[in-house]
């Protein structure tokens, strides 16, 4: 069985019933970051900042469909093309291809979307 920890924000709107059940079923311990300590959840804070600066602050959306298309295109680039310093300047997809080839087929990355 899998064991591990999942760290999440400690915010009032966090309704954890489904994720709590998932953690119990997968032997995961759910822990909360300390209030006022966003650095404890640095990966998501970095992603949120990048998304805010590169999508939300750079575009004026006239419809939800325009937003979805722009967000999808940005996310594809972020996961497939953009080098990340924390991944030895590889994109997340290329990092997985390089270091986890034995665990995944080259074309099978269920967390990555297909570019349409």
PDB file of N, CA and C in Angstrom:
ATOM      1  N   UNK A   1       0.821  -1.182   0.000  1.00  0.00           N
ATOM      2  CA  UNK A   1       0.000   0.000   0.000  1.00  0.00           C
ATOM      3  C   UNK A   1       0.862   1.242   0.000  1.00  0.00           C
ATOM      4  N   UNK A   2       0.316   2.314  -0.570  1.00  0.00           N
ATOM      5  CA  UNK A   2       1.012   3.590  -0.610  1.00  0.00           C
ATOM      6  C   UNK A   2       0.935   4.265   0.750  1.00  0.00           C
ATOM      7  N   UNK A   3       1.995   4.976   1.081  1.00  0.00           N
ATOM      8  CA  UNK A   3       2.027   5.777   2.306  1.00  0.00           C
ATOM      9  C   UNK A   3       2.614   7.121   1.942  1.00  0.00           C
ATOM     10  N   UNK A   4       2.221   8.150   2.636  1.00  0.00           N
ATOM     11  CA  UNK A   4       2.787   9.457   2.369  1.00  0.00           C
ATOM     12  C   UNK A   4       2.001  10.547   3.036  1.00  0.00           C
ATOM     13  N   UNK A   5       2.336  11.778   2.651  1.00  0.00           N
ATOM     14  CA  UNK A   5       1.663  12.951   3.191  1.00  0.00           C
ATOM     15  C   UNK A   5       1.176  13.811   2.045  1.00  0.00           C
ATOM     16  N   UNK A   6       0.089  14.490   2.287  1.00  0.00           N
ATOM     17  CA  UNK A   6      -0.414  15.483   1.349  1.00  0.00           C
ATOM     18  C   UNK A   6      -0.580  16.763   2.140  1.00  0.00           C
ATOM     19  N   UNK A   7       0.078  17.831   1.682  1.00  0.00           N
ATOM     20  CA  UNK A   7       0.017  19.108   2.385  1.00  0.00           C
ATOM     21  C   UNK A   7      -0.958  20.020   1.653  1.00  0.00           C
ATOM     22  N   UNK A   8      -1.850  20.654   2.403  1.00  0.00           N
ATOM     23  CA  UNK A   8      -2.857  21.532   1.827  1.00  0.00           C
ATOM     24  C   UNK A   8      -2.942  22.824   2.620  1.00  0.00           C
ATOM     25  N   UNK A   9      -3.519  23.852   1.974  1.00  0.00           N
ATOM     26  CA  UNK A   9      -3.714  25.126   2.654  1.00  0.00           C
ATOM     27  C   UNK A   9      -4.686  24.980   3.811  1.00  0.00           C
ATOM     28  N   UNK A  10      -4.459  25.745   4.850  1.00  0.00           N
ATOM     29  CA  UNK A  10      -5.316  25.752   6.033  1.00  0.00           C
ATOM     30  C   UNK A  10      -6.241  26.956   5.931  1.00  0.00           C
ATOM     31  N   UNK A  11      -7.254  26.852   5.072  1.00  0.00           N
ATOM     32  CA  UNK A  11      -8.151  27.977   4.817  1.00  0.00           C
ATOM     33  C   UNK A  11      -9.581  27.596   5.139  1.00  0.00           C
ATOM     34  N   UNK A  12     -10.426  28.576   5.492  1.00  0.00           N
ATOM     35  CA  UNK A  12     -11.804  28.269   5.893  1.00  0.00           C
ATOM     36  C   UNK A  12     -12.619  27.589   4.810  1.00  0.00           C
ATOM     37  N   UNK A  13     -12.351  27.934   3.527  1.00  0.00           N
ATOM     38  CA  UNK A  13     -13.155  27.338   2.468  1.00  0.00           C
ATOM     39  C   UNK A  13     -12.740  25.903   2.124  1.00  0.00           C
ATOM     40  N   UNK A  14     -11.727  25.384   2.811  1.00  0.00           N
ATOM     41  CA  UNK A  14     -11.293  24.016   2.552  1.00  0.00           C
ATOM     42  C   UNK A  14     -12.320  23.047   3.120  1.00  0.00           C
ATOM     43  N   UNK A  15     -13.044  22.385   2.237  1.00  0.00           N
ATOM     44  CA  UNK A  15     -14.015  21.377   2.655  1.00  0.00           C
ATOM     45  C   UNK A  15     -13.438  20.034   2.254  1.00  0.00           C
ATOM     46  N   UNK A  16     -12.990  19.301   3.222  1.00  0.00           N
ATOM     47  CA  UNK A  16     -12.086  18.194   2.972  1.00  0.00           C
ATOM     48  C   UNK A  16     -12.731  16.821   2.927  1.00  0.00           C
ATOM     49  N   UNK A  17     -14.018  16.723   2.874  1.00  0.00           N
ATOM     50  CA  UNK A  17     -14.625  15.397   2.981  1.00  0.00           C
ATOM     51  C   UNK A  17     -14.144  14.438   1.889  1.00  0.00           C
ATOM     52  N   UNK A  18     -14.191  14.856   0.635  1.00  0.00           N
ATOM     53  CA  UNK A  18     -13.785  13.954  -0.458  1.00  0.00           C
ATOM     54  C   UNK A  18     -12.285  13.670  -0.438  1.00  0.00           C
ATOM     55  N   UNK A  19     -11.490  14.720  -0.257  1.00  0.00           N
ATOM     56  CA  UNK A  19     -10.048  14.505  -0.238  1.00  0.00           C
ATOM     57  C   UNK A  19      -9.636  13.747   1.014  1.00  0.00           C
ATOM     58  N   UNK A  20     -10.315  13.998   2.119  1.00  0.00           N
ATOM     59  CA  UNK A  20     -10.034  13.264   3.353  1.00  0.00           C
ATOM     60  C   UNK A  20     -10.328  11.770   3.175  1.00  0.00           C
ATOM     61  N   UNK A  21     -11.452  11.475   2.534  1.00  0.00           N
ATOM     62  CA  UNK A  21     -11.785  10.072   2.256  1.00  0.00           C
ATOM     63  C   UNK A  21     -10.747   9.436   1.346  1.00  0.00           C
ATOM     64  N   UNK A  22     -10.323  10.182   0.311  1.00  0.00           N
ATOM     65  CA  UNK A  22      -9.317   9.654  -0.609  1.00  0.00           C
ATOM     66  C   UNK A  22      -8.017   9.356   0.138  1.00  0.00           C
ATOM     67  N   UNK A  23      -7.610  10.284   1.004  1.00  0.00           N
ATOM     68  CA  UNK A  23      -6.377  10.080   1.775  1.00  0.00           C
ATOM     69  C   UNK A  23      -6.482   8.843   2.663  1.00  0.00           C
ATOM     70  N   UNK A  24      -7.611   8.677   3.343  1.00  0.00           N
ATOM     71  CA  UNK A  24      -7.804   7.491   4.191  1.00  0.00           C
ATOM     72  C   UNK A  24      -7.714   6.217   3.366  1.00  0.00           C
ATOM     73  N   UNK A  25      -8.355   6.209   2.205  1.00  0.00           N
ATOM     74  CA  UNK A  25      -8.358   5.022   1.347  1.00  0.00           C
ATOM     75  C   UNK A  25      -7.001   4.718   0.750  1.00  0.00           C
ATOM     76  N   UNK A  26      -6.105   5.713   0.696  1.00  0.00           N
ATOM     77  CA  UNK A  26      -4.782   5.533   0.100  1.00  0.00           C
ATOM     78  C   UNK A  26      -3.655   5.658   1.124  1.00  0.00           C
ATOM     79  N   UNK A  27      -3.998   5.521   2.407  1.00  0.00           N
ATOM     80  CA  UNK A  27      -3.011   5.585   3.494  1.00  0.00           C
ATOM     81  C   UNK A  27      -2.153   6.845   3.433  1.00  0.00           C
ATOM     82  N   UNK A  28      -2.798   7.971   3.177  1.00  0.00           N
ATOM     83  CA  UNK A  28      -2.113   9.257   3.135  1.00  0.00           C
ATOM     84  C   UNK A  28      -2.497  10.055   4.370  1.00  0.00           C
ATOM     85  N   UNK A  29      -1.532  10.739   4.955  1.00  0.00           N
ATOM     86  CA  UNK A  29      -1.796  11.610   6.081  1.00  0.00           C
ATOM     87  C   UNK A  29      -2.031  13.026   5.552  1.00  0.00           C
ATOM     88  N   UNK A  30      -3.144  13.619   5.888  1.00  0.00           N
ATOM     89  CA  UNK A  30      -3.481  14.965   5.458  1.00  0.00           C
ATOM     90  C   UNK A  30      -2.983  15.945   6.503  1.00  0.00           C
ATOM     91  N   UNK A  31      -2.091  16.850   6.117  1.00  0.00           N
ATOM     92  CA  UNK A  31      -1.572  17.864   7.035  1.00  0.00           C
ATOM     93  C   UNK A  31      -1.864  19.243   6.477  1.00  0.00           C
ATOM     94  N   UNK A  32      -1.935  20.217   7.337  1.00  0.00           N
ATOM     95  CA  UNK A  32      -2.234  21.585   6.944  1.00  0.00           C
ATOM     96  C   UNK A  32      -1.009  22.459   7.150  1.00  0.00           C
ATOM     97  N   UNK A  33      -0.830  23.432   6.252  1.00  0.00           N
ATOM     98  CA  UNK A  33       0.233  24.394   6.481  1.00  0.00           C
ATOM     99  C   UNK A  33      -0.192  25.296   7.630  1.00  0.00           C
ATOM    100  N   UNK A  34       0.776  25.901   8.279  1.00  0.00           N
ATOM    101  CA  UNK A  34       0.479  26.814   9.375  1.00  0.00           C
ATOM    102  C   UNK A  34      -0.086  28.112   8.807  1.00  0.00           C
ATOM    103  N   UNK A  35      -1.074  28.707   9.481  1.00  0.00           N
ATOM    104  CA  UNK A  35      -1.611  29.993   9.011  1.00  0.00           C
ATOM    105  C   UNK A  35      -0.495  31.027   8.862  1.00  0.00           C
ATOM    106  N   UNK A  36      -0.513  31.755   7.755  1.00  0.00           N
ATOM    107  CA  UNK A  36       0.490  32.787   7.505  1.00  0.00           C
ATOM    108  C   UNK A  36       1.821  32.258   7.030  1.00  0.00           C
ATOM    109  N   UNK A  37       1.899  30.981   6.653  1.00  0.00           N
ATOM    110  CA  UNK A  37       3.156  30.374   6.213  1.00  0.00           C
ATOM    111  C   UNK A  37       2.985  29.765   4.811  1.00  0.00           C
ATOM    112  N   UNK A  38       2.694  30.577   3.791  1.00  0.00           N
ATOM    113  CA  UNK A  38       2.474  30.023   2.456  1.00  0.00           C
ATOM    114  C   UNK A  38       3.699  29.320   1.880  1.00  0.00           C
ATOM    115  N   UNK A  39       4.890  29.632   2.388  1.00  0.00           N
ATOM    116  CA  UNK A  39       6.095  28.970   1.881  1.00  0.00           C
ATOM    117  C   UNK A  39       6.077  27.466   2.169  1.00  0.00           C
ATOM    118  N   UNK A  40       5.280  27.037   3.131  1.00  0.00           N
ATOM    119  CA  UNK A  40       5.176  25.601   3.414  1.00  0.00           C
ATOM    120  C   UNK A  40       4.456  24.862   2.289  1.00  0.00           C
ATOM    121  N   UNK A  41       3.795  25.604   1.412  1.00  0.00           N
ATOM    122  CA  UNK A  41       3.121  25.026   0.256  1.00  0.00           C
ATOM    123  C   UNK A  41       3.671  25.725  -0.990  1.00  0.00           C
ATOM    124  N   UNK A  42       4.982  25.780  -1.077  1.00  0.00           N
ATOM    125  CA  UNK A  42       5.674  26.574  -2.082  1.00  0.00           C
ATOM    126  C   UNK A  42       5.380  26.205  -3.515  1.00  0.00           C
ATOM    127  N   UNK A  43       5.185  24.920  -3.810  1.00  0.00           N
ATOM    128  CA  UNK A  43       4.951  24.516  -5.195  1.00  0.00           C
ATOM    129  C   UNK A  43       3.661  25.110  -5.733  1.00  0.00           C
ATOM    130  N   UNK A  44       2.586  25.017  -4.971  1.00  0.00           N
ATOM    131  CA  UNK A  44       1.319  25.560  -5.454  1.00  0.00           C
ATOM    132  C   UNK A  44       1.337  27.077  -5.420  1.00  0.00           C
ATOM    133  N   UNK A  45       2.033  27.684  -4.455  1.00  0.00           N
ATOM    134  CA  UNK A  45       2.139  29.137  -4.421  1.00  0.00           C
ATOM    135  C   UNK A  45       2.879  29.643  -5.659  1.00  0.00           C
ATOM    136  N   UNK A  46       3.911  28.938  -6.077  1.00  0.00           N
ATOM    137  CA  UNK A  46       4.669  29.317  -7.284  1.00  0.00           C
ATOM    138  C   UNK A  46       3.791  29.190  -8.516  1.00  0.00           C
ATOM    139  N   UNK A  47       3.058  28.079  -8.603  1.00  0.00           N
ATOM    140  CA  UNK A  47       2.149  27.883  -9.730  1.00  0.00           C
ATOM    141  C   UNK A  47       1.093  28.986  -9.754  1.00  0.00           C
ATOM    142  N   UNK A  48       0.488  29.269  -8.602  1.00  0.00           N
ATOM    143  CA  UNK A  48      -0.546  30.306  -8.539  1.00  0.00           C
ATOM    144  C   UNK A  48      -0.007  31.665  -8.986  1.00  0.00           C
ATOM    145  N   UNK A  49       1.206  31.994  -8.557  1.00  0.00           N
ATOM    146  CA  UNK A  49       1.801  33.268  -8.956  1.00  0.00           C
ATOM    147  C   UNK A  49       2.027  33.312 -10.462  1.00  0.00           C
ATOM    148  N   UNK A  50       2.575  32.234 -11.014  1.00  0.00           N
ATOM    149  CA  UNK A  50       2.815  32.187 -12.457  1.00  0.00           C
ATOM    150  C   UNK A  50       1.508  32.323 -13.228  1.00  0.00           C
ATOM    151  N   UNK A  51       0.481  31.598 -12.808  1.00  0.00           N
ATOM    152  CA  UNK A  51      -0.808  31.658 -13.494  1.00  0.00           C
ATOM    153  C   UNK A  51      -1.414  33.055 -13.399  1.00  0.00           C
ATOM    154  N   UNK A  52      -1.335  33.647 -12.224  1.00  0.00           N
ATOM    155  CA  UNK A  52      -1.882  34.997 -12.023  1.00  0.00           C
ATOM    156  C   UNK A  52      -1.159  36.005 -12.906  1.00  0.00           C
ATOM    157  N   UNK A  53       0.183  35.959 -12.921  1.00  0.00           N
ATOM    158  CA  UNK A  53       0.961  36.941 -13.675  1.00  0.00           C
ATOM    159  C   UNK A  53       0.890  36.716 -15.178  1.00  0.00           C
ATOM    160  N   UNK A  54       0.904  35.458 -15.621  1.00  0.00           N
ATOM    161  CA  UNK A  54       1.015  35.169 -17.044  1.00  0.00           C
ATOM    162  C   UNK A  54      -0.321  34.966 -17.750  1.00  0.00           C
ATOM    163  N   UNK A  55      -1.390  34.754 -16.999  1.00  0.00           N
ATOM    164  CA  UNK A  55      -2.707  34.563 -17.619  1.00  0.00           C
ATOM    165  C   UNK A  55      -3.689  35.627 -17.134  1.00  0.00           C
ATOM    166  N   UNK A  56      -3.962  35.647 -15.852  1.00  0.00           N
ATOM    167  CA  UNK A  56      -5.015  36.521 -15.337  1.00  0.00           C
ATOM    168  C   UNK A  56      -4.685  38.001 -15.484  1.00  0.00           C
ATOM    169  N   UNK A  57      -3.442  38.395 -15.207  1.00  0.00           N
ATOM    170  CA  UNK A  57      -3.075  39.807 -15.268  1.00  0.00           C
ATOM    171  C   UNK A  57      -2.732  40.274 -16.678  1.00  0.00           C
ATOM    172  N   UNK A  58      -2.524  39.363 -17.600  1.00  0.00           N
ATOM    173  CA  UNK A  58      -2.092  39.721 -18.953  1.00  0.00           C
ATOM    174  C   UNK A  58      -3.224  39.722 -19.972  1.00  0.00           C
ATOM    175  N   UNK A  59      -4.414  39.320 -19.578  1.00  0.00           N
ATOM    176  CA  UNK A  59      -5.503  39.173 -20.531  1.00  0.00           C
ATOM    177  C   UNK A  59      -6.777  39.806 -20.003  1.00  0.00           C
ATOM    178  N   UNK A  60      -7.589  40.271 -20.938  1.00  0.00           N
ATOM    179  CA  UNK A  60      -8.929  40.740 -20.636  1.00  0.00           C
ATOM    180  C   UNK A  60      -9.878  39.745 -21.287  1.00  0.00           C
ATOM    181  N   UNK A  61     -10.570  38.975 -20.463  1.00  0.00           N
ATOM    182  CA  UNK A  61     -11.426  37.915 -20.979  1.00  0.00           C
ATOM    183  C   UNK A  61     -12.836  38.438 -21.199  1.00  0.00           C
ATOM    184  N   UNK A  62     -13.396  38.116 -22.357  1.00  0.00           N
ATOM    185  CA  UNK A  62     -14.752  38.551 -22.685  1.00  0.00           C
ATOM    186  C   UNK A  62     -15.778  37.445 -22.494  1.00  0.00           C
ATOM    187  N   UNK A  63     -15.291  36.222 -22.261  1.00  0.00           N
ATOM    188  CA  UNK A  63     -16.212  35.111 -22.019  1.00  0.00           C
ATOM    189  C   UNK A  63     -15.477  34.011 -21.260  1.00  0.00           C
ATOM    190  N   UNK A  64     -16.245  33.141 -20.669  1.00  0.00           N
ATOM    191  CA  UNK A  64     -15.649  32.004 -19.956  1.00  0.00           C
ATOM    192  C   UNK A  64     -14.945  31.068 -20.936  1.00  0.00           C
ATOM    193  N   UNK A  65     -15.468  30.954 -22.160  1.00  0.00           N
ATOM    194  CA  UNK A  65     -14.822  30.110 -23.165  1.00  0.00           C
ATOM    195  C   UNK A  65     -13.451  30.647 -23.556  1.00  0.00           C
ATOM    196  N   UNK A  66     -13.332  31.969 -23.673  1.00  0.00           N
ATOM    197  CA  UNK A  66     -12.035  32.583 -23.978  1.00  0.00           C
ATOM    198  C   UNK A  66     -11.056  32.318 -22.846  1.00  0.00           C
ATOM    199  N   UNK A  67     -11.530  32.454 -21.613  1.00  0.00           N
ATOM    200  CA  UNK A  67     -10.662  32.160 -20.467  1.00  0.00           C
ATOM    201  C   UNK A  67     -10.208  30.706 -20.489  1.00  0.00           C
ATOM    202  N   UNK A  68     -11.135  29.783 -20.698  1.00  0.00           N
ATOM    203  CA  UNK A  68     -10.788  28.357 -20.694  1.00  0.00           C
ATOM    204  C   UNK A  68      -9.763  28.030 -21.773  1.00  0.00           C
ATOM    205  N   UNK A  69      -9.952  28.588 -22.963  1.00  0.00           N
ATOM    206  CA  UNK A  69      -9.007  28.333 -24.058  1.00  0.00           C
ATOM    207  C   UNK A  69      -7.626  28.867 -23.710  1.00  0.00           C
ATOM    208  N   UNK A  70      -7.574  30.094 -23.205  1.00  0.00           N
ATOM    209  CA  UNK A  70      -6.293  30.698 -22.833  1.00  0.00           C
ATOM    210  C   UNK A  70      -5.625  29.914 -21.707  1.00  0.00           C
ATOM    211  N   UNK A  71      -6.399  29.546 -20.687  1.00  0.00           N
ATOM    212  CA  UNK A  71      -5.847  28.784 -19.558  1.00  0.00           C
ATOM    213  C   UNK A  71      -5.338  27.425 -20.024  1.00  0.00           C
ATOM    214  N   UNK A  72      -6.075  26.749 -20.906  1.00  0.00           N
ATOM    215  CA  UNK A  72      -5.661  25.444 -21.425  1.00  0.00           C
ATOM    216  C   UNK A  72      -4.342  25.565 -22.192  1.00  0.00           C
ATOM    217  N   UNK A  73      -4.243  26.581 -23.040  1.00  0.00           N
ATOM    218  CA  UNK A  73      -3.016  26.774 -23.813  1.00  0.00           C
ATOM    219  C   UNK A  73      -1.831  27.068 -22.898  1.00  0.00           C
ATOM    220  N   UNK A  74      -2.044  27.907 -21.896  1.00  0.00           N
ATOM    221  CA  UNK A  74      -0.963  28.232 -20.967  1.00  0.00           C
ATOM    222  C   UNK A  74      -0.540  27.000 -20.183  1.00  0.00           C
ATOM    223  N   UNK A  75      -1.506  26.225 -19.700  1.00  0.00           N
ATOM    224  CA  UNK A  75      -1.188  25.041 -18.910  1.00  0.00           C
ATOM    225  C   UNK A  75      -0.427  24.009 -19.740  1.00  0.00           C
ATOM    226  N   UNK A  76      -0.814  23.870 -21.008  1.00  0.00           N
ATOM    227  CA  UNK A  76      -0.075  22.958 -21.887  1.00  0.00           C
ATOM    228  C   UNK A  76       1.387  23.403 -21.985  1.00  0.00           C
ATOM    229  N   UNK A  77       1.601  24.693 -22.231  1.00  0.00           N
ATOM    230  CA  UNK A  77       2.972  25.198 -22.327  1.00  0.00           C
ATOM    231  C   UNK A  77       3.722  25.018 -21.005  1.00  0.00           C
ATOM    232  N   UNK A  78       3.065  25.295 -19.901  1.00  0.00           N
ATOM    233  CA  UNK A  78       3.686  25.183 -18.572  1.00  0.00           C
ATOM    234  C   UNK A  78       4.140  23.755 -18.299  1.00  0.00           C
ATOM    235  N   UNK A  79       3.328  22.777 -18.676  1.00  0.00           N
ATOM    236  CA  UNK A  79       3.649  21.375 -18.394  1.00  0.00           C
ATOM    237  C   UNK A  79       4.526  20.721 -19.446  1.00  0.00           C
ATOM    238  N   UNK A  80       4.446  21.166 -20.694  1.00  0.00           N
ATOM    239  CA  UNK A  80       5.118  20.461 -21.786  1.00  0.00           C
ATOM    240  C   UNK A  80       6.326  21.181 -22.349  1.00  0.00           C
ATOM    241  N   UNK A  81       6.364  22.491 -22.286  1.00  0.00           N
ATOM    242  CA  UNK A  81       7.421  23.240 -22.972  1.00  0.00           C
ATOM    243  C   UNK A  81       8.282  24.086 -22.047  1.00  0.00           C
ATOM    244  N   UNK A  82       7.707  24.643 -20.988  1.00  0.00           N
ATOM    245  CA  UNK A  82       8.417  25.594 -20.132  1.00  0.00           C
ATOM    246  C   UNK A  82       9.411  24.885 -19.224  1.00  0.00           C
ATOM    247  N   UNK A  83      10.702  25.261 -19.294  1.00  0.00           N
ATOM    248  CA  UNK A  83      11.676  24.671 -18.370  1.00  0.00           C
ATOM    249  C   UNK A  83      11.454  25.185 -16.948  1.00  0.00           C
ATOM    250  N   UNK A  84      11.636  24.312 -15.987  1.00  0.00           N
ATOM    251  CA  UNK A  84      11.481  24.654 -14.578  1.00  0.00           C
ATOM    252  C   UNK A  84      12.834  24.471 -13.883  1.00  0.00           C
ATOM    253  N   UNK A  85      13.279  25.504 -13.201  1.00  0.00           N
ATOM    254  CA  UNK A  85      14.581  25.447 -12.531  1.00  0.00           C
ATOM    255  C   UNK A  85      14.640  24.288 -11.542  1.00  0.00           C
ATOM    256  N   UNK A  86      13.529  24.015 -10.859  1.00  0.00           N
ATOM    257  CA  UNK A  86      13.517  22.936  -9.863  1.00  0.00           C
ATOM    258  C   UNK A  86      13.589  21.548 -10.496  1.00  0.00           C
ATOM    259  N   UNK A  87      13.435  21.468 -11.824  1.00  0.00           N
ATOM    260  CA  UNK A  87      13.507  20.183 -12.535  1.00  0.00           C
ATOM    261  C   UNK A  87      14.709  20.148 -13.473  1.00  0.00           C
ATOM    262  N   UNK A  88      15.807  20.736 -13.045  1.00  0.00           N
ATOM    263  CA  UNK A  88      17.038  20.787 -13.839  1.00  0.00           C
ATOM    264  C   UNK A  88      16.800  21.434 -15.203  1.00  0.00           C
ATOM    265  N   UNK A  89      15.986  22.478 -15.219  1.00  0.00           N
ATOM    266  CA  UNK A  89      15.640  23.227 -16.425  1.00  0.00           C
ATOM    267  C   UNK A  89      14.993  22.372 -17.508  1.00  0.00           C
ATOM    268  N   UNK A  90      14.227  21.382 -17.085  1.00  0.00           N
ATOM    269  CA  UNK A  90      13.408  20.581 -17.996  1.00  0.00           C
ATOM    270  C   UNK A  90      11.947  20.920 -17.748  1.00  0.00           C
ATOM    271  N   UNK A  91      11.115  20.704 -18.753  1.00  0.00           N
ATOM    272  CA  UNK A  91       9.669  20.830 -18.528  1.00  0.00           C
ATOM    273  C   UNK A  91       9.226  19.637 -17.686  1.00  0.00           C
ATOM    274  N   UNK A  92       8.082  19.733 -16.999  1.00  0.00           N
ATOM    275  CA  UNK A  92       7.623  18.583 -16.218  1.00  0.00           C
ATOM    276  C   UNK A  92       7.500  17.305 -17.053  1.00  0.00           C
ATOM    277  N   UNK A  93       6.971  17.417 -18.261  1.00  0.00           N
ATOM    278  CA  UNK A  93       6.827  16.237 -19.111  1.00  0.00           C
ATOM    279  C   UNK A  93       8.198  15.653 -19.470  1.00  0.00           C
ATOM    280  N   UNK A  94       9.142  16.498 -19.872  1.00  0.00           N
ATOM    281  CA  UNK A  94      10.474  16.000 -20.221  1.00  0.00           C
ATOM    282  C   UNK A  94      11.208  15.432 -19.017  1.00  0.00           C
ATOM    283  N   UNK A  95      10.978  16.014 -17.845  1.00  0.00           N
ATOM    284  CA  UNK A  95      11.574  15.473 -16.629  1.00  0.00           C
ATOM    285  C   UNK A  95      11.072  14.049 -16.378  1.00  0.00           C
ATOM    286  N   UNK A  96       9.749  13.853 -16.516  1.00  0.00           N
ATOM    287  CA  UNK A  96       9.194  12.509 -16.336  1.00  0.00           C
ATOM    288  C   UNK A  96       9.710  11.543 -17.393  1.00  0.00           C
ATOM    289  N   UNK A  97       9.789  11.995 -18.627  1.00  0.00           N
ATOM    290  CA  UNK A  97      10.315  11.129 -19.689  1.00  0.00           C
ATOM    291  C   UNK A  97      11.760  10.717 -19.402  1.00  0.00           C
ATOM    292  N   UNK A  98      12.552  11.647 -18.905  1.00  0.00           N
ATOM    293  CA  UNK A  98      13.967  11.359 -18.639  1.00  0.00           C
ATOM    294  C   UNK A  98      14.158  10.463 -17.421  1.00  0.00           C
ATOM    295  N   UNK A  99      13.414  10.730 -16.339  1.00  0.00           N
ATOM    296  CA  UNK A  99      13.689  10.063 -15.071  1.00  0.00           C
ATOM    297  C   UNK A  99      12.716   8.943 -14.710  1.00  0.00           C
ATOM    298  N   UNK A 100      11.614   8.841 -15.383  1.00  0.00           N
ATOM    299  CA  UNK A 100      10.613   7.841 -15.013  1.00  0.00           C
ATOM    300  C   UNK A 100      10.203   6.988 -16.202  1.00  0.00           C
ATOM    301  N   UNK A 101      11.070   6.855 -17.170  1.00  0.00           N
ATOM    302  CA  UNK A 101      10.741   6.153 -18.403  1.00  0.00           C
ATOM    303  C   UNK A 101      10.293   4.723 -18.141  1.00  0.00           C
ATOM    304  N   UNK A 102      10.889   4.087 -17.155  1.00  0.00           N
ATOM    305  CA  UNK A 102      10.524   2.699 -16.876  1.00  0.00           C
ATOM    306  C   UNK A 102       9.131   2.582 -16.264  1.00  0.00           C
ATOM    307  N   UNK A 103       8.614   3.658 -15.686  1.00  0.00           N
ATOM    308  CA  UNK A 103       7.299   3.610 -15.055  1.00  0.00           C
ATOM    309  C   UNK A 103       6.170   4.023 -15.983  1.00  0.00           C
ATOM    310  N   UNK A 104       6.486   4.773 -17.044  1.00  0.00           N
ATOM    311  CA  UNK A 104       5.453   5.292 -17.934  1.00  0.00           C
ATOM    312  C   UNK A 104       5.819   4.994 -19.380  1.00  0.00           C
ATOM    313  N   UNK A 105       4.815   4.779 -20.191  1.00  0.00           N
ATOM    314  CA  UNK A 105       5.039   4.775 -21.629  1.00  0.00           C
ATOM    315  C   UNK A 105       5.224   6.221 -22.039  1.00  0.00           C
ATOM    316  N   UNK A 106       5.993   6.473 -23.111  1.00  0.00           N
ATOM    317  CA  UNK A 106       6.254   7.848 -23.542  1.00  0.00           C
ATOM    318  C   UNK A 106       4.987   8.655 -23.781  1.00  0.00           C
ATOM    319  N   UNK A 107       3.939   8.026 -24.255  1.00  0.00           N
ATOM    320  CA  UNK A 107       2.732   8.774 -24.590  1.00  0.00           C
ATOM    321  C   UNK A 107       1.692   8.752 -23.481  1.00  0.00           C
ATOM    322  N   UNK A 108       1.972   8.103 -22.368  1.00  0.00           N
ATOM    323  CA  UNK A 108       0.962   7.961 -21.323  1.00  0.00           C
ATOM    324  C   UNK A 108       1.310   8.796 -20.104  1.00  0.00           C
ATOM    325  N   UNK A 109       0.729   9.979 -20.030  1.00  0.00           N
ATOM    326  CA  UNK A 109       0.858  10.830 -18.867  1.00  0.00           C
ATOM    327  C   UNK A 109      -0.529  11.290 -18.495  1.00  0.00           C
ATOM    328  N   UNK A 110      -1.222  10.564 -17.636  1.00  0.00           N
ATOM    329  CA  UNK A 110      -2.627  10.873 -17.364  1.00  0.00           C
ATOM    330  C   UNK A 110      -2.847  12.258 -16.763  1.00  0.00           C
ATOM    331  N   UNK A 111      -1.833  12.872 -16.164  1.00  0.00           N
ATOM    332  CA  UNK A 111      -2.038  14.193 -15.583  1.00  0.00           C
ATOM    333  C   UNK A 111      -1.799  15.304 -16.583  1.00  0.00           C
ATOM    334  N   UNK A 112      -1.305  14.986 -17.766  1.00  0.00           N
ATOM    335  CA  UNK A 112      -1.052  15.995 -18.785  1.00  0.00           C
ATOM    336  C   UNK A 112      -2.129  15.976 -19.839  1.00  0.00           C
ATOM    337  N   UNK A 113      -2.561  17.147 -20.240  1.00  0.00           N
ATOM    338  CA  UNK A 113      -3.586  17.220 -21.262  1.00  0.00           C
ATOM    339  C   UNK A 113      -2.968  17.128 -22.648  1.00  0.00           C
ATOM    340  N   UNK A 114      -3.787  16.785 -23.607  1.00  0.00           N
ATOM    341  CA  UNK A 114      -3.363  16.705 -24.995  1.00  0.00           C
ATOM    342  C   UNK A 114      -3.585  18.080 -25.621  1.00  0.00           C
ATOM    343  N   UNK A 115      -2.622  18.529 -26.426  1.00  0.00           N
ATOM    344  CA  UNK A 115      -2.795  19.797 -27.115  1.00  0.00           C
ATOM    345  C   UNK A 115      -3.760  19.600 -28.261  1.00  0.00           C
ATOM    346  N   UNK A 116      -4.855  20.367 -28.261  1.00  0.00           N
ATOM    347  CA  UNK A 116      -5.872  20.237 -29.320  1.00  0.00           C
ATOM    348  C   UNK A 116      -5.591  21.208 -30.432  1.00  0.00           C
TER     349      UNK A 116
END
